[in-house]
Amino acid sequence: MPLNILAVLPDTLRTGNQELLVFYYLQNNIAKIVKITSNDSVPYGIAIDIGTTTVALLLVDLNTKKVIASRNTYNSQIECGLDVISRINFAKKHLNELKERILKTIDKHIYPEYYIR
C-alpha cells in the first residue's frame, strides 16, 4: 500500500464509521491500491472505448451502474495511420508517439480545464 494512502487510513476509518471503500487494480495478480475512502462516498468510474477512428468515454456511477455522462471524440492516432495495419507498422518505430496521442486525447476529455486555449 502506498505511503500516502496509508497515512490517511486512520482518519478515513474514523470518519467512515470503520467501513471503507477500496479502489484497486490487479497487476500480475497483486492488488495495487490507488485510493481508500469512507464507504459513504459515491464511486464513479470511467469506461473508455478506443476505436480506430473514435474514442468514447462514459462516466459511470459504480453503485447504480448507470451512465452519468458520455463523450465521443476522434482518435488522434488517425494521423499515424487510417487502419489497424498501418498503425501496427507505425508503432514498430513510434510506439511512444501512439501512446502519447491516445493519452492526450483521453486527458482532454477527463480534464478539459487543462486544455482550454
N, C-alpha and C. Protein backbone atom coordinates (compact mmCIF):
# COMPACT_ATOMS: atom_id res chain seq x y z
N MET A 1 0.85 -1.17 0.00
CA MET A 1 0.00 0.00 0.00
C MET A 1 0.90 1.24 0.00
N PRO A 2 0.64 2.19 -0.89
CA PRO A 2 1.47 3.41 -0.93
C PRO A 2 1.38 4.19 0.38
N LEU A 3 2.47 4.84 0.72
CA LEU A 3 2.57 5.56 1.99
C LEU A 3 1.53 6.67 2.11
N ASN A 4 1.24 7.39 1.01
CA ASN A 4 0.27 8.48 1.09
C ASN A 4 -1.14 7.96 1.41
N ILE A 5 -1.47 6.76 0.99
CA ILE A 5 -2.77 6.16 1.32
C ILE A 5 -2.76 5.64 2.75
N LEU A 6 -1.67 5.03 3.13
CA LEU A 6 -1.53 4.52 4.50
C LEU A 6 -1.62 5.66 5.52
N ALA A 7 -1.11 6.83 5.17
CA ALA A 7 -1.10 7.97 6.08
C ALA A 7 -2.50 8.47 6.42
N VAL A 8 -3.44 8.37 5.49
CA VAL A 8 -4.80 8.87 5.75
C VAL A 8 -5.74 7.77 6.23
N LEU A 9 -5.27 6.56 6.30
CA LEU A 9 -6.12 5.43 6.68
C LEU A 9 -6.79 5.59 8.05
N PRO A 10 -6.08 6.01 9.12
CA PRO A 10 -6.75 6.15 10.42
C PRO A 10 -7.90 7.15 10.39
N ASP A 11 -7.69 8.32 9.77
CA ASP A 11 -8.76 9.32 9.69
C ASP A 11 -9.93 8.81 8.86
N THR A 12 -9.62 8.12 7.78
CA THR A 12 -10.68 7.59 6.91
C THR A 12 -11.50 6.54 7.66
N LEU A 13 -10.84 5.71 8.45
CA LEU A 13 -11.56 4.72 9.26
C LEU A 13 -12.50 5.38 10.27
N ARG A 14 -12.01 6.44 10.92
CA ARG A 14 -12.83 7.13 11.92
C ARG A 14 -14.04 7.81 11.27
N THR A 15 -13.82 8.51 10.17
CA THR A 15 -14.92 9.25 9.54
C THR A 15 -15.88 8.33 8.80
N GLY A 16 -15.42 7.18 8.39
CA GLY A 16 -16.26 6.25 7.65
C GLY A 16 -16.94 5.23 8.52
N ASN A 17 -17.00 5.46 9.84
CA ASN A 17 -17.64 4.53 10.76
C ASN A 17 -17.03 3.13 10.63
N GLN A 18 -15.74 3.11 10.42
CA GLN A 18 -14.93 1.89 10.30
C GLN A 18 -15.31 1.02 9.10
N GLU A 19 -15.95 1.64 8.09
CA GLU A 19 -16.20 0.95 6.82
C GLU A 19 -15.47 1.71 5.73
N LEU A 20 -14.83 0.98 4.85
CA LEU A 20 -14.01 1.60 3.81
C LEU A 20 -14.44 1.15 2.42
N LEU A 21 -14.13 2.00 1.46
CA LEU A 21 -14.28 1.67 0.05
C LEU A 21 -12.88 1.71 -0.54
N VAL A 22 -12.40 0.60 -1.07
CA VAL A 22 -11.03 0.49 -1.55
C VAL A 22 -11.04 0.40 -3.08
N PHE A 23 -10.26 1.26 -3.73
CA PHE A 23 -10.11 1.24 -5.17
C PHE A 23 -8.75 0.64 -5.49
N TYR A 24 -8.75 -0.35 -6.35
CA TYR A 24 -7.50 -1.02 -6.68
C TYR A 24 -7.58 -1.59 -8.08
N TYR A 25 -6.43 -1.99 -8.58
CA TYR A 25 -6.35 -2.74 -9.83
C TYR A 25 -5.37 -3.88 -9.62
N LEU A 26 -5.50 -4.90 -10.45
CA LEU A 26 -4.61 -6.05 -10.34
C LEU A 26 -3.49 -5.94 -11.36
N GLN A 27 -2.27 -6.15 -10.89
CA GLN A 27 -1.10 -6.18 -11.77
C GLN A 27 -0.29 -7.41 -11.39
N ASN A 28 -0.20 -8.36 -12.30
CA ASN A 28 0.48 -9.63 -12.03
C ASN A 28 -0.08 -10.31 -10.79
N ASN A 29 -1.40 -10.32 -10.68
CA ASN A 29 -2.12 -10.94 -9.56
C ASN A 29 -1.82 -10.30 -8.21
N ILE A 30 -1.35 -9.07 -8.22
CA ILE A 30 -1.11 -8.32 -6.98
C ILE A 30 -2.03 -7.10 -7.00
N ALA A 31 -2.79 -6.90 -5.93
CA ALA A 31 -3.68 -5.75 -5.83
C ALA A 31 -2.87 -4.50 -5.56
N LYS A 32 -3.02 -3.50 -6.41
CA LYS A 32 -2.38 -2.20 -6.25
C LYS A 32 -3.45 -1.21 -5.82
N ILE A 33 -3.40 -0.77 -4.56
CA ILE A 33 -4.41 0.14 -4.03
C ILE A 33 -4.11 1.55 -4.50
N VAL A 34 -5.12 2.22 -5.05
CA VAL A 34 -4.93 3.58 -5.54
C VAL A 34 -5.66 4.61 -4.68
N LYS A 35 -6.70 4.16 -3.94
CA LYS A 35 -7.41 5.11 -3.08
C LYS A 35 -8.26 4.34 -2.08
N ILE A 36 -8.38 4.93 -0.89
CA ILE A 36 -9.29 4.41 0.13
C ILE A 36 -10.13 5.59 0.60
N THR A 37 -11.47 5.40 0.60
CA THR A 37 -12.37 6.45 1.08
C THR A 37 -13.35 5.83 2.06
N SER A 38 -14.11 6.71 2.71
CA SER A 38 -15.17 6.20 3.58
C SER A 38 -16.25 5.58 2.69
N ASN A 39 -16.98 4.65 3.24
CA ASN A 39 -17.96 3.89 2.47
C ASN A 39 -19.15 4.73 2.03
N ASP A 40 -19.32 5.95 2.58
CA ASP A 40 -20.47 6.76 2.22
C ASP A 40 -20.26 7.61 0.97
N SER A 41 -19.07 7.55 0.38
CA SER A 41 -18.83 8.33 -0.83
C SER A 41 -19.38 7.59 -2.05
N VAL A 42 -19.73 8.34 -3.10
CA VAL A 42 -20.26 7.74 -4.32
C VAL A 42 -19.11 7.51 -5.28
N PRO A 43 -18.82 6.25 -5.59
CA PRO A 43 -17.72 5.98 -6.51
C PRO A 43 -18.15 6.13 -7.98
N TYR A 44 -17.32 6.78 -8.74
CA TYR A 44 -17.54 6.91 -10.17
C TYR A 44 -16.39 6.24 -10.90
N GLY A 45 -16.66 5.78 -12.08
CA GLY A 45 -15.64 5.17 -12.92
C GLY A 45 -15.76 5.71 -14.33
N ILE A 46 -14.69 5.57 -15.09
CA ILE A 46 -14.70 5.99 -16.48
C ILE A 46 -14.41 4.77 -17.34
N ALA A 47 -15.32 4.48 -18.24
CA ALA A 47 -15.11 3.41 -19.21
C ALA A 47 -14.66 4.07 -20.51
N ILE A 48 -13.61 3.52 -21.11
CA ILE A 48 -13.05 4.10 -22.33
C ILE A 48 -13.00 3.05 -23.42
N ASP A 49 -13.57 3.38 -24.57
CA ASP A 49 -13.53 2.50 -25.73
C ASP A 49 -12.67 3.19 -26.79
N ILE A 50 -11.50 2.61 -27.05
CA ILE A 50 -10.58 3.19 -28.03
C ILE A 50 -10.78 2.46 -29.35
N GLY A 51 -11.40 3.15 -30.28
CA GLY A 51 -11.63 2.59 -31.61
C GLY A 51 -10.62 3.13 -32.60
N THR A 52 -10.67 2.62 -33.80
CA THR A 52 -9.72 3.06 -34.83
C THR A 52 -9.90 4.53 -35.17
N THR A 53 -11.16 4.99 -35.25
CA THR A 53 -11.40 6.39 -35.61
C THR A 53 -11.93 7.24 -34.47
N THR A 54 -12.62 6.62 -33.50
CA THR A 54 -13.18 7.41 -32.40
C THR A 54 -12.82 6.83 -31.04
N VAL A 55 -12.93 7.69 -30.03
CA VAL A 55 -12.74 7.30 -28.64
C VAL A 55 -14.02 7.69 -27.91
N ALA A 56 -14.60 6.75 -27.18
CA ALA A 56 -15.81 7.00 -26.40
C ALA A 56 -15.47 6.91 -24.92
N LEU A 57 -15.95 7.89 -24.15
CA LEU A 57 -15.74 7.89 -22.71
C LEU A 57 -17.10 7.92 -22.03
N LEU A 58 -17.29 7.08 -21.02
CA LEU A 58 -18.53 7.03 -20.26
C LEU A 58 -18.21 7.23 -18.79
N LEU A 59 -18.89 8.17 -18.14
CA LEU A 59 -18.79 8.35 -16.69
C LEU A 59 -19.90 7.53 -16.07
N VAL A 60 -19.54 6.60 -15.18
CA VAL A 60 -20.50 5.63 -14.64
C VAL A 60 -20.54 5.72 -13.12
N ASP A 61 -21.76 5.75 -12.57
CA ASP A 61 -21.95 5.63 -11.13
C ASP A 61 -21.77 4.14 -10.82
N LEU A 62 -20.73 3.80 -10.08
CA LEU A 62 -20.41 2.40 -9.84
C LEU A 62 -21.39 1.71 -8.88
N ASN A 63 -22.16 2.49 -8.13
CA ASN A 63 -23.18 1.88 -7.27
C ASN A 63 -24.39 1.43 -8.07
N THR A 64 -24.88 2.32 -8.94
CA THR A 64 -26.09 2.02 -9.69
C THR A 64 -25.81 1.45 -11.08
N LYS A 65 -24.57 1.53 -11.52
CA LYS A 65 -24.14 1.07 -12.86
C LYS A 65 -24.76 1.91 -13.97
N LYS A 66 -25.23 3.11 -13.64
CA LYS A 66 -25.85 3.99 -14.64
C LYS A 66 -24.82 4.95 -15.21
N VAL A 67 -24.96 5.21 -16.51
CA VAL A 67 -24.09 6.16 -17.19
C VAL A 67 -24.56 7.57 -16.84
N ILE A 68 -23.66 8.37 -16.30
CA ILE A 68 -23.96 9.74 -15.89
C ILE A 68 -23.74 10.71 -17.04
N ALA A 69 -22.68 10.46 -17.81
CA ALA A 69 -22.36 11.33 -18.95
C ALA A 69 -21.54 10.53 -19.95
N SER A 70 -21.57 11.00 -21.19
CA SER A 70 -20.76 10.34 -22.21
C SER A 70 -20.19 11.39 -23.15
N ARG A 71 -19.10 11.02 -23.79
CA ARG A 71 -18.43 11.93 -24.71
C ARG A 71 -17.72 11.10 -25.77
N ASN A 72 -17.78 11.55 -27.00
CA ASN A 72 -17.08 10.90 -28.12
C ASN A 72 -16.17 11.92 -28.78
N THR A 73 -15.07 11.44 -29.28
CA THR A 73 -14.14 12.32 -29.98
C THR A 73 -13.36 11.50 -30.99
N TYR A 74 -12.69 12.20 -31.90
CA TYR A 74 -11.84 11.49 -32.85
C TYR A 74 -10.59 10.97 -32.16
N ASN A 75 -10.13 9.83 -32.59
CA ASN A 75 -8.88 9.26 -32.09
C ASN A 75 -7.74 9.98 -32.81
N SER A 76 -6.91 10.68 -32.08
CA SER A 76 -5.82 11.46 -32.70
C SER A 76 -4.74 10.57 -33.30
N GLN A 77 -4.84 9.27 -33.10
CA GLN A 77 -3.89 8.35 -33.74
C GLN A 77 -4.18 8.20 -35.24
N ILE A 78 -5.29 8.74 -35.71
CA ILE A 78 -5.63 8.66 -37.14
C ILE A 78 -4.49 9.19 -37.99
N GLU A 79 -3.83 10.23 -37.51
CA GLU A 79 -2.73 10.84 -38.27
C GLU A 79 -1.54 9.89 -38.43
N CYS A 80 -1.52 8.82 -37.68
CA CYS A 80 -0.43 7.85 -37.75
C CYS A 80 -0.80 6.64 -38.61
N GLY A 81 -2.00 6.64 -39.14
CA GLY A 81 -2.46 5.54 -39.98
C GLY A 81 -3.96 5.41 -39.86
N LEU A 82 -4.63 5.20 -41.00
CA LEU A 82 -6.08 5.14 -41.00
C LEU A 82 -6.64 3.80 -40.55
N ASP A 83 -5.83 2.75 -40.62
CA ASP A 83 -6.33 1.43 -40.24
C ASP A 83 -5.36 0.77 -39.25
N VAL A 84 -5.79 -0.36 -38.73
CA VAL A 84 -5.01 -1.05 -37.70
C VAL A 84 -3.64 -1.48 -38.22
N ILE A 85 -3.59 -2.02 -39.44
CA ILE A 85 -2.31 -2.49 -40.00
C ILE A 85 -1.33 -1.33 -40.14
N SER A 86 -1.80 -0.19 -40.61
CA SER A 86 -0.93 0.98 -40.74
C SER A 86 -0.38 1.41 -39.38
N ARG A 87 -1.22 1.35 -38.38
CA ARG A 87 -0.79 1.75 -37.03
C ARG A 87 0.19 0.75 -36.44
N ILE A 88 -0.01 -0.52 -36.73
CA ILE A 88 0.95 -1.53 -36.26
C ILE A 88 2.31 -1.26 -36.86
N ASN A 89 2.35 -0.97 -38.14
CA ASN A 89 3.61 -0.65 -38.80
C ASN A 89 4.23 0.63 -38.24
N PHE A 90 3.40 1.63 -37.99
CA PHE A 90 3.87 2.89 -37.41
C PHE A 90 4.44 2.65 -36.01
N ALA A 91 3.78 1.77 -35.26
CA ALA A 91 4.18 1.50 -33.87
C ALA A 91 5.53 0.82 -33.76
N LYS A 92 5.94 0.15 -34.82
CA LYS A 92 7.24 -0.52 -34.78
C LYS A 92 8.38 0.46 -34.51
N LYS A 93 8.22 1.70 -34.94
CA LYS A 93 9.26 2.71 -34.73
C LYS A 93 8.81 3.85 -33.82
N HIS A 94 7.50 4.02 -33.67
CA HIS A 94 6.98 5.20 -32.97
C HIS A 94 5.92 4.85 -31.93
N LEU A 95 6.12 3.79 -31.19
CA LEU A 95 5.12 3.33 -30.22
C LEU A 95 4.82 4.41 -29.17
N ASN A 96 5.84 5.10 -28.72
CA ASN A 96 5.65 6.14 -27.71
C ASN A 96 4.74 7.25 -28.22
N GLU A 97 4.88 7.61 -29.49
CA GLU A 97 4.03 8.66 -30.05
C GLU A 97 2.56 8.23 -30.06
N LEU A 98 2.30 6.98 -30.43
CA LEU A 98 0.92 6.47 -30.41
C LEU A 98 0.35 6.52 -28.99
N LYS A 99 1.15 6.10 -28.03
CA LYS A 99 0.71 6.11 -26.63
C LYS A 99 0.41 7.53 -26.17
N GLU A 100 1.30 8.46 -26.46
CA GLU A 100 1.11 9.85 -26.05
C GLU A 100 -0.13 10.46 -26.70
N ARG A 101 -0.37 10.14 -27.95
CA ARG A 101 -1.54 10.68 -28.66
C ARG A 101 -2.84 10.22 -28.01
N ILE A 102 -2.94 8.93 -27.68
CA ILE A 102 -4.20 8.45 -27.11
C ILE A 102 -4.37 8.96 -25.69
N LEU A 103 -3.29 9.03 -24.92
CA LEU A 103 -3.40 9.57 -23.56
C LEU A 103 -3.82 11.04 -23.58
N LYS A 104 -3.29 11.81 -24.50
CA LYS A 104 -3.67 13.22 -24.60
C LYS A 104 -5.13 13.36 -25.01
N THR A 105 -5.58 12.52 -25.92
CA THR A 105 -6.98 12.53 -26.35
C THR A 105 -7.90 12.25 -25.17
N ILE A 106 -7.56 11.24 -24.38
CA ILE A 106 -8.38 10.88 -23.22
C ILE A 106 -8.32 11.99 -22.16
N ASP A 107 -7.13 12.47 -21.87
CA ASP A 107 -6.95 13.52 -20.86
C ASP A 107 -7.74 14.78 -21.20
N LYS A 108 -7.81 15.14 -22.48
CA LYS A 108 -8.54 16.35 -22.88
C LYS A 108 -10.01 16.27 -22.47
N HIS A 109 -10.54 15.07 -22.39
CA HIS A 109 -11.96 14.93 -22.06
C HIS A 109 -12.20 14.64 -20.59
N ILE A 110 -11.19 14.14 -19.90
CA ILE A 110 -11.32 13.92 -18.46
C ILE A 110 -10.98 15.21 -17.71
N TYR A 111 -9.97 15.93 -18.20
CA TYR A 111 -9.50 17.17 -17.57
C TYR A 111 -9.56 18.32 -18.58
N PRO A 112 -10.75 18.71 -19.05
CA PRO A 112 -10.83 19.73 -20.10
C PRO A 112 -10.27 21.10 -19.68
N GLU A 113 -10.29 21.39 -18.37
CA GLU A 113 -9.82 22.71 -17.93
C GLU A 113 -8.33 22.91 -18.22
N TYR A 114 -7.57 21.84 -18.37
CA TYR A 114 -6.14 21.96 -18.68
C TYR A 114 -5.88 22.23 -20.15
N TYR A 115 -6.90 22.04 -20.99
CA TYR A 115 -6.71 22.16 -22.43
C TYR A 115 -7.48 23.31 -23.04
N ILE A 116 -8.08 24.17 -22.22
CA ILE A 116 -8.78 25.34 -22.73
C ILE A 116 -7.75 26.34 -23.25
N ARG A 117 -7.97 26.79 -24.47
CA ARG A 117 -6.99 27.72 -25.08
C ARG A 117 -7.51 29.13 -25.07
